[in-house]
Amino acid sequence: MKRPKVNLKKEKVLDAMHKELEKAMLKSAIYLQGHIKRKVGKGGGKPHRPSRPGEPPRRDTGVLASSIAYNVWSSRGTITARVGADVDKLKKNARRIGTTVDYALYLELGTANMARRPWLEPSVRECKKKISQILKNASANGIRYINRTKRW
């Protein structure tokens, strides 16, 4: 009995997996962006009531929430996702914490005169399971695609 011949071309397999993972990173960035916007978009009211130390900042003008954006790019086989507003500044200065709003860093880390009101780090932690699941599904989809395709 003759054994079936399987001929996989490494480049095609890697390209298929890379495309699936790129889509998953985009989906993850959008999910995280929405989570952060909901987290910093709560509260508010007039007059403004500040959040308690350790809580995410309450909305006042909505500028912080509206400044949250995402970008996903691929370079030399590495897929990177950043969540924030001014992505060019983010690439140059990673300490911008993902927004062009100057006070975002002070809210996240606190100052000598103000306790932390973290919004980014807790959001990433809260979304970690979902993002891991999105990436696992992408890997499985890539493998299913490879198994379905006969033209390797």
N, C-alpha and C. Protein backbone atom coordinates (compact mmCIF):
# COMPACT_ATOMS: atom_id res chain seq x y z
N MET A 1 0.84 -1.18 0.00
CA MET A 1 0.00 0.00 0.00
C MET A 1 0.89 1.25 0.00
N LYS A 2 0.56 2.14 -0.91
CA LYS A 2 1.31 3.38 -1.03
C LYS A 2 0.85 4.39 0.01
N ARG A 3 1.82 5.07 0.61
CA ARG A 3 1.49 6.12 1.59
C ARG A 3 1.17 7.41 0.84
N PRO A 4 0.16 8.17 1.32
CA PRO A 4 -0.12 9.44 0.66
C PRO A 4 1.03 10.42 0.88
N LYS A 5 1.30 11.20 -0.13
CA LYS A 5 2.40 12.15 -0.05
C LYS A 5 1.85 13.52 0.35
N VAL A 6 2.44 14.10 1.38
CA VAL A 6 2.05 15.44 1.83
C VAL A 6 3.21 16.35 1.54
N ASN A 7 2.93 17.41 0.83
CA ASN A 7 3.96 18.34 0.42
C ASN A 7 3.60 19.74 0.94
N LEU A 8 4.17 20.13 2.06
CA LEU A 8 3.88 21.45 2.64
C LEU A 8 4.99 22.42 2.27
N LYS A 9 4.59 23.57 1.80
CA LYS A 9 5.55 24.62 1.52
C LYS A 9 5.54 25.58 2.71
N LYS A 10 6.68 25.64 3.37
CA LYS A 10 6.80 26.39 4.62
C LYS A 10 6.29 27.82 4.50
N GLU A 11 6.61 28.51 3.42
CA GLU A 11 6.22 29.91 3.26
C GLU A 11 4.71 30.07 3.22
N LYS A 12 4.04 29.17 2.51
CA LYS A 12 2.58 29.25 2.39
C LYS A 12 1.91 28.97 3.73
N VAL A 13 2.43 28.00 4.46
CA VAL A 13 1.88 27.66 5.78
C VAL A 13 2.05 28.84 6.72
N LEU A 14 3.26 29.40 6.75
CA LEU A 14 3.53 30.54 7.62
C LEU A 14 2.68 31.76 7.23
N ASP A 15 2.51 31.99 5.94
CA ASP A 15 1.66 33.10 5.49
C ASP A 15 0.22 32.92 5.95
N ALA A 16 -0.30 31.71 5.85
CA ALA A 16 -1.68 31.45 6.27
C ALA A 16 -1.84 31.69 7.77
N MET A 17 -0.89 31.21 8.56
CA MET A 17 -0.95 31.41 10.01
C MET A 17 -0.80 32.89 10.36
N HIS A 18 0.12 33.56 9.67
CA HIS A 18 0.37 34.98 9.94
C HIS A 18 -0.90 35.81 9.67
N LYS A 19 -1.58 35.53 8.58
CA LYS A 19 -2.81 36.26 8.24
C LYS A 19 -3.88 36.05 9.31
N GLU A 20 -4.04 34.82 9.78
CA GLU A 20 -5.04 34.53 10.82
C GLU A 20 -4.68 35.27 12.12
N LEU A 21 -3.40 35.25 12.48
CA LEU A 21 -2.98 35.91 13.71
C LEU A 21 -3.09 37.44 13.60
N GLU A 22 -2.84 37.97 12.41
CA GLU A 22 -2.99 39.41 12.20
C GLU A 22 -4.45 39.84 12.40
N LYS A 23 -5.38 39.04 11.87
CA LYS A 23 -6.81 39.32 12.06
C LYS A 23 -7.17 39.24 13.54
N ALA A 24 -6.60 38.27 14.23
CA ALA A 24 -6.88 38.10 15.66
C ALA A 24 -6.33 39.26 16.48
N MET A 25 -5.17 39.76 16.12
CA MET A 25 -4.60 40.91 16.84
C MET A 25 -5.48 42.14 16.64
N LEU A 26 -6.00 42.33 15.42
CA LEU A 26 -6.90 43.43 15.16
C LEU A 26 -8.17 43.30 16.00
N LYS A 27 -8.73 42.11 16.02
CA LYS A 27 -9.94 41.86 16.82
C LYS A 27 -9.66 42.11 18.31
N SER A 28 -8.49 41.69 18.79
CA SER A 28 -8.11 41.89 20.19
C SER A 28 -7.95 43.37 20.52
N ALA A 29 -7.33 44.12 19.62
CA ALA A 29 -7.14 45.56 19.85
C ALA A 29 -8.48 46.29 19.91
N ILE A 30 -9.39 45.92 19.02
CA ILE A 30 -10.72 46.54 19.02
C ILE A 30 -11.47 46.20 20.31
N TYR A 31 -11.35 44.95 20.74
CA TYR A 31 -12.00 44.53 21.98
C TYR A 31 -11.45 45.32 23.17
N LEU A 32 -10.12 45.43 23.27
CA LEU A 32 -9.49 46.16 24.37
C LEU A 32 -9.86 47.64 24.33
N GLN A 33 -9.87 48.22 23.15
CA GLN A 33 -10.25 49.63 23.01
C GLN A 33 -11.66 49.87 23.56
N GLY A 34 -12.59 49.02 23.19
CA GLY A 34 -13.97 49.16 23.67
C GLY A 34 -14.07 49.01 25.17
N HIS A 35 -13.31 48.05 25.71
CA HIS A 35 -13.32 47.84 27.16
C HIS A 35 -12.80 49.07 27.89
N ILE A 36 -11.70 49.63 27.41
CA ILE A 36 -11.11 50.82 28.04
C ILE A 36 -12.08 52.00 27.96
N LYS A 37 -12.68 52.20 26.79
CA LYS A 37 -13.63 53.31 26.62
C LYS A 37 -14.80 53.19 27.59
N ARG A 38 -15.30 51.96 27.78
CA ARG A 38 -16.39 51.78 28.74
C ARG A 38 -15.92 52.05 30.16
N LYS A 39 -14.71 51.63 30.47
CA LYS A 39 -14.17 51.79 31.82
C LYS A 39 -13.98 53.27 32.18
N VAL A 40 -13.44 54.07 31.27
CA VAL A 40 -13.21 55.49 31.58
C VAL A 40 -14.39 56.37 31.18
N GLY A 41 -15.40 55.79 30.59
CA GLY A 41 -16.56 56.57 30.16
C GLY A 41 -17.68 56.58 31.16
N LYS A 42 -17.48 55.94 32.33
CA LYS A 42 -18.54 55.87 33.34
C LYS A 42 -18.51 57.08 34.24
N GLY A 43 -19.60 57.24 34.96
CA GLY A 43 -19.65 58.30 35.97
C GLY A 43 -19.96 59.64 35.36
N GLY A 44 -19.35 60.64 35.90
CA GLY A 44 -19.57 61.98 35.39
C GLY A 44 -20.70 62.69 36.11
N GLY A 45 -21.37 63.52 35.39
CA GLY A 45 -22.43 64.31 35.99
C GLY A 45 -21.92 65.69 36.36
N LYS A 46 -22.82 66.56 36.61
CA LYS A 46 -22.46 67.94 37.00
C LYS A 46 -22.98 68.18 38.40
N PRO A 47 -22.23 68.70 39.31
CA PRO A 47 -20.80 68.98 39.16
C PRO A 47 -20.00 67.68 39.14
N HIS A 48 -18.80 67.78 38.57
CA HIS A 48 -17.95 66.59 38.43
C HIS A 48 -17.58 66.05 39.81
N ARG A 49 -17.73 64.73 39.96
CA ARG A 49 -17.30 64.05 41.18
C ARG A 49 -16.10 63.18 40.82
N PRO A 50 -14.93 63.50 41.37
CA PRO A 50 -13.74 62.70 41.02
C PRO A 50 -13.86 61.27 41.54
N SER A 51 -13.15 60.37 40.90
CA SER A 51 -13.14 58.98 41.33
C SER A 51 -12.33 58.85 42.61
N ARG A 52 -12.53 57.75 43.29
CA ARG A 52 -11.75 57.46 44.50
C ARG A 52 -10.39 56.90 44.08
N PRO A 53 -9.39 57.06 44.94
CA PRO A 53 -8.08 56.46 44.63
C PRO A 53 -8.21 54.96 44.38
N GLY A 54 -7.56 54.48 43.33
CA GLY A 54 -7.60 53.07 42.97
C GLY A 54 -8.71 52.73 42.00
N GLU A 55 -9.70 53.59 41.82
CA GLU A 55 -10.78 53.38 40.84
C GLU A 55 -10.38 54.00 39.52
N PRO A 56 -10.97 53.53 38.41
CA PRO A 56 -10.71 54.20 37.14
C PRO A 56 -11.26 55.63 37.19
N PRO A 57 -10.69 56.54 36.42
CA PRO A 57 -11.18 57.92 36.46
C PRO A 57 -12.62 58.02 35.98
N ARG A 58 -13.40 58.87 36.63
CA ARG A 58 -14.77 59.12 36.18
C ARG A 58 -14.74 60.11 35.03
N ARG A 59 -15.72 60.01 34.18
CA ARG A 59 -15.82 60.89 33.02
C ARG A 59 -16.17 62.30 33.47
N ASP A 60 -15.51 63.26 32.86
CA ASP A 60 -15.85 64.67 33.08
C ASP A 60 -16.23 65.25 31.73
N THR A 61 -15.25 65.40 30.84
CA THR A 61 -15.52 65.95 29.50
C THR A 61 -15.63 64.85 28.45
N GLY A 62 -15.12 63.67 28.75
CA GLY A 62 -15.12 62.56 27.79
C GLY A 62 -13.91 62.55 26.87
N VAL A 63 -12.98 63.48 27.08
CA VAL A 63 -11.81 63.58 26.21
C VAL A 63 -10.93 62.34 26.32
N LEU A 64 -10.71 61.86 27.53
CA LEU A 64 -9.87 60.67 27.71
C LEU A 64 -10.47 59.47 26.96
N ALA A 65 -11.75 59.21 27.17
CA ALA A 65 -12.39 58.07 26.51
C ALA A 65 -12.36 58.21 24.99
N SER A 66 -12.61 59.40 24.48
CA SER A 66 -12.65 59.58 23.03
C SER A 66 -11.25 59.56 22.40
N SER A 67 -10.21 59.69 23.22
CA SER A 67 -8.86 59.68 22.67
C SER A 67 -8.31 58.26 22.50
N ILE A 68 -9.01 57.25 22.99
CA ILE A 68 -8.51 55.88 22.92
C ILE A 68 -8.77 55.31 21.52
N ALA A 69 -7.70 54.87 20.87
CA ALA A 69 -7.78 54.29 19.52
C ALA A 69 -6.86 53.07 19.48
N TYR A 70 -6.76 52.43 18.34
CA TYR A 70 -5.90 51.25 18.21
C TYR A 70 -5.20 51.27 16.86
N ASN A 71 -4.11 50.51 16.79
CA ASN A 71 -3.41 50.31 15.53
C ASN A 71 -2.73 48.95 15.59
N VAL A 72 -2.76 48.22 14.50
CA VAL A 72 -2.11 46.93 14.40
C VAL A 72 -1.23 46.96 13.16
N TRP A 73 0.01 46.54 13.29
CA TRP A 73 0.89 46.49 12.12
C TRP A 73 1.80 45.28 12.22
N SER A 74 2.35 44.92 11.07
CA SER A 74 3.21 43.76 10.97
C SER A 74 4.54 44.21 10.36
N SER A 75 5.62 43.74 10.97
CA SER A 75 6.94 44.10 10.47
C SER A 75 7.90 42.94 10.76
N ARG A 76 8.55 42.44 9.71
CA ARG A 76 9.54 41.37 9.83
C ARG A 76 8.99 40.15 10.58
N GLY A 77 7.77 39.80 10.29
CA GLY A 77 7.18 38.61 10.90
C GLY A 77 6.59 38.81 12.28
N THR A 78 6.69 40.03 12.82
CA THR A 78 6.14 40.32 14.14
C THR A 78 4.88 41.16 13.99
N ILE A 79 3.84 40.76 14.69
CA ILE A 79 2.58 41.51 14.66
C ILE A 79 2.48 42.29 15.97
N THR A 80 2.25 43.59 15.87
CA THR A 80 2.17 44.45 17.04
C THR A 80 0.84 45.16 17.07
N ALA A 81 0.26 45.24 18.26
CA ALA A 81 -0.99 46.00 18.45
C ALA A 81 -0.73 47.03 19.54
N ARG A 82 -1.18 48.24 19.31
CA ARG A 82 -1.12 49.29 20.33
C ARG A 82 -2.50 49.89 20.46
N VAL A 83 -2.87 50.16 21.68
CA VAL A 83 -4.15 50.81 21.93
C VAL A 83 -3.83 52.19 22.45
N GLY A 84 -4.33 53.22 21.77
CA GLY A 84 -4.06 54.60 22.15
C GLY A 84 -4.50 55.54 21.06
N ALA A 85 -4.21 56.81 21.21
CA ALA A 85 -4.66 57.80 20.25
C ALA A 85 -3.59 58.09 19.20
N ASP A 86 -2.61 58.87 19.53
CA ASP A 86 -1.61 59.30 18.57
C ASP A 86 -0.56 58.19 18.41
N VAL A 87 -0.79 57.30 17.46
CA VAL A 87 0.04 56.11 17.33
C VAL A 87 1.47 56.47 16.94
N ASP A 88 1.68 57.51 16.15
CA ASP A 88 3.05 57.89 15.79
C ASP A 88 3.83 58.28 17.05
N LYS A 89 3.21 59.06 17.93
CA LYS A 89 3.87 59.42 19.18
C LYS A 89 4.06 58.18 20.05
N LEU A 90 3.10 57.27 20.01
CA LEU A 90 3.22 56.04 20.79
C LEU A 90 4.46 55.25 20.38
N LYS A 91 4.69 55.15 19.07
CA LYS A 91 5.85 54.40 18.60
C LYS A 91 7.14 55.06 19.06
N LYS A 92 7.17 56.40 19.06
CA LYS A 92 8.38 57.12 19.45
C LYS A 92 8.57 57.08 20.96
N ASN A 93 7.47 57.13 21.72
CA ASN A 93 7.57 57.23 23.16
C ASN A 93 6.56 56.29 23.81
N ALA A 94 6.99 55.09 24.13
CA ALA A 94 6.08 54.07 24.65
C ALA A 94 5.49 54.44 26.01
N ARG A 95 6.06 55.40 26.70
CA ARG A 95 5.54 55.78 28.01
C ARG A 95 4.32 56.68 27.92
N ARG A 96 3.79 56.91 26.74
CA ARG A 96 2.60 57.76 26.59
C ARG A 96 1.35 57.07 27.11
N ILE A 97 1.39 55.81 27.44
CA ILE A 97 0.26 55.05 28.01
C ILE A 97 -0.92 54.98 27.05
N GLY A 98 -0.75 55.22 25.79
CA GLY A 98 -1.82 54.95 24.84
C GLY A 98 -2.81 56.05 24.61
N THR A 99 -2.50 57.29 24.89
CA THR A 99 -3.41 58.39 24.61
C THR A 99 -2.62 59.68 24.46
N THR A 100 -3.19 60.65 23.76
CA THR A 100 -2.52 61.95 23.62
C THR A 100 -2.92 62.88 24.74
N VAL A 101 -3.84 62.48 25.58
CA VAL A 101 -4.27 63.32 26.70
C VAL A 101 -3.14 63.32 27.73
N ASP A 102 -2.61 64.52 28.02
CA ASP A 102 -1.45 64.63 28.91
C ASP A 102 -1.69 64.05 30.30
N TYR A 103 -2.88 64.20 30.83
CA TYR A 103 -3.14 63.76 32.20
C TYR A 103 -3.37 62.26 32.31
N ALA A 104 -3.44 61.54 31.21
CA ALA A 104 -3.68 60.10 31.24
C ALA A 104 -2.59 59.38 32.03
N LEU A 105 -1.36 59.76 31.84
CA LEU A 105 -0.24 59.15 32.56
C LEU A 105 -0.36 59.41 34.05
N TYR A 106 -0.75 60.63 34.42
CA TYR A 106 -0.89 60.97 35.84
C TYR A 106 -2.02 60.17 36.49
N LEU A 107 -3.12 59.99 35.75
CA LEU A 107 -4.22 59.19 36.28
C LEU A 107 -3.80 57.73 36.47
N GLU A 108 -3.10 57.18 35.50
CA GLU A 108 -2.70 55.77 35.54
C GLU A 108 -1.70 55.50 36.66
N LEU A 109 -0.70 56.35 36.78
CA LEU A 109 0.40 56.09 37.72
C LEU A 109 0.32 56.88 39.01
N GLY A 110 -0.48 57.96 39.03
CA GLY A 110 -0.54 58.82 40.20
C GLY A 110 0.61 59.81 40.20
N THR A 111 0.56 60.74 41.13
CA THR A 111 1.63 61.74 41.29
C THR A 111 1.94 61.84 42.77
N ALA A 112 2.85 62.74 43.12
CA ALA A 112 3.17 62.97 44.53
C ALA A 112 1.95 63.51 45.28
N ASN A 113 1.05 64.19 44.55
CA ASN A 113 -0.11 64.82 45.19
C ASN A 113 -1.43 64.12 44.90
N MET A 114 -1.41 63.05 44.10
CA MET A 114 -2.66 62.38 43.74
C MET A 114 -2.43 60.87 43.65
N ALA A 115 -3.31 60.12 44.27
CA ALA A 115 -3.22 58.65 44.20
C ALA A 115 -3.59 58.17 42.80
N ARG A 116 -3.18 56.96 42.47
CA ARG A 116 -3.46 56.36 41.15
C ARG A 116 -4.96 56.24 40.92
N ARG A 117 -5.35 56.45 39.67
CA ARG A 117 -6.69 56.13 39.16
C ARG A 117 -6.48 55.27 37.91
N PRO A 118 -6.01 54.03 38.11
CA PRO A 118 -5.60 53.21 36.96
C PRO A 118 -6.77 52.84 36.06
N TRP A 119 -6.53 52.91 34.76
CA TRP A 119 -7.55 52.56 33.78
C TRP A 119 -7.00 51.62 32.71
N LEU A 120 -5.71 51.72 32.37
CA LEU A 120 -5.14 50.90 31.31
C LEU A 120 -4.73 49.52 31.82
N GLU A 121 -3.91 49.48 32.84
CA GLU A 121 -3.41 48.21 33.36
C GLU A 121 -4.55 47.28 33.80
N PRO A 122 -5.54 47.76 34.56
CA PRO A 122 -6.65 46.87 34.92
C PRO A 122 -7.44 46.39 33.70
N SER A 123 -7.58 47.24 32.71
CA SER A 123 -8.31 46.84 31.49
C SER A 123 -7.58 45.71 30.77
N VAL A 124 -6.27 45.83 30.64
CA VAL A 124 -5.49 44.77 29.99
C VAL A 124 -5.62 43.48 30.78
N ARG A 125 -5.51 43.57 32.09
CA ARG A 125 -5.63 42.39 32.95
C ARG A 125 -7.02 41.75 32.81
N GLU A 126 -8.06 42.57 32.79
CA GLU A 126 -9.43 42.06 32.68
C GLU A 126 -9.70 41.42 31.31
N CYS A 127 -9.01 41.87 30.28
CA CYS A 127 -9.24 41.37 28.92
C CYS A 127 -8.30 40.23 28.54
N LYS A 128 -7.37 39.92 29.40
CA LYS A 128 -6.32 38.94 29.07
C LYS A 128 -6.88 37.59 28.63
N LYS A 129 -7.87 37.05 29.37
CA LYS A 129 -8.45 35.75 29.02
C LYS A 129 -9.11 35.79 27.65
N LYS A 130 -9.88 36.83 27.40
CA LYS A 130 -10.61 36.95 26.12
C LYS A 130 -9.61 37.08 24.97
N ILE A 131 -8.58 37.89 25.15
CA ILE A 131 -7.58 38.08 24.10
C ILE A 131 -6.83 36.77 23.85
N SER A 132 -6.50 36.04 24.91
CA SER A 132 -5.84 34.73 24.74
C SER A 132 -6.73 33.79 23.94
N GLN A 133 -8.02 33.81 24.22
CA GLN A 133 -8.96 32.94 23.50
C GLN A 133 -9.05 33.33 22.02
N ILE A 134 -9.06 34.62 21.75
CA ILE A 134 -9.10 35.10 20.35
C ILE A 134 -7.86 34.60 19.60
N LEU A 135 -6.69 34.67 20.24
CA LEU A 135 -5.44 34.23 19.60
C LEU A 135 -5.40 32.71 19.43
N LYS A 136 -5.89 31.97 20.43
CA LYS A 136 -5.95 30.51 20.30
C LYS A 136 -6.87 30.10 19.16
N ASN A 137 -8.02 30.76 19.05
CA ASN A 137 -8.95 30.47 17.96
C ASN A 137 -8.31 30.75 16.60
N ALA A 138 -7.53 31.84 16.53
CA ALA A 138 -6.87 32.17 15.26
C ALA A 138 -5.87 31.08 14.88
N SER A 139 -5.13 30.57 15.84
CA SER A 139 -4.19 29.48 15.56
C SER A 139 -4.93 28.25 15.05
N ALA A 140 -6.03 27.93 15.72
CA ALA A 140 -6.83 26.77 15.29
C ALA A 140 -7.40 26.99 13.89
N ASN A 141 -7.86 28.21 13.61
CA ASN A 141 -8.39 28.53 12.27
C ASN A 141 -7.31 28.39 11.21
N GLY A 142 -6.10 28.83 11.53
CA GLY A 142 -4.99 28.71 10.59
C GLY A 142 -4.68 27.25 10.28
N ILE A 143 -4.70 26.43 11.32
CA ILE A 143 -4.44 24.99 11.11
C ILE A 143 -5.56 24.36 10.30
N ARG A 144 -6.82 24.72 10.59
CA ARG A 144 -7.95 24.19 9.81
C ARG A 144 -7.83 24.60 8.34
N TYR A 145 -7.41 25.84 8.10
CA TYR A 145 -7.24 26.34 6.73
C TYR A 145 -6.18 25.50 6.01
N ILE A 146 -5.09 25.24 6.69
CA ILE A 146 -4.00 24.45 6.11
C ILE A 146 -4.50 23.04 5.78
N ASN A 147 -5.26 22.45 6.69
CA ASN A 147 -5.78 21.09 6.47
C ASN A 147 -6.78 21.04 5.32
N ARG A 148 -7.58 22.11 5.14
CA ARG A 148 -8.58 22.14 4.06
C ARG A 148 -7.95 22.34 2.69
N THR A 149 -6.86 23.05 2.64
CA THR A 149 -6.25 23.43 1.36
C THR A 149 -5.41 22.28 0.84
N LYS A 150 -5.68 21.92 -0.39
CA LYS A 150 -4.96 20.79 -1.00
C LYS A 150 -3.79 21.26 -1.87
N ARG A 151 -3.66 22.57 -2.03
CA ARG A 151 -2.66 23.09 -2.98
C ARG A 151 -1.33 23.42 -2.33
N TRP A 152 -0.96 22.73 -1.31
CA TRP A 152 0.33 23.01 -0.67
C TRP A 152 1.37 22.24 -1.39
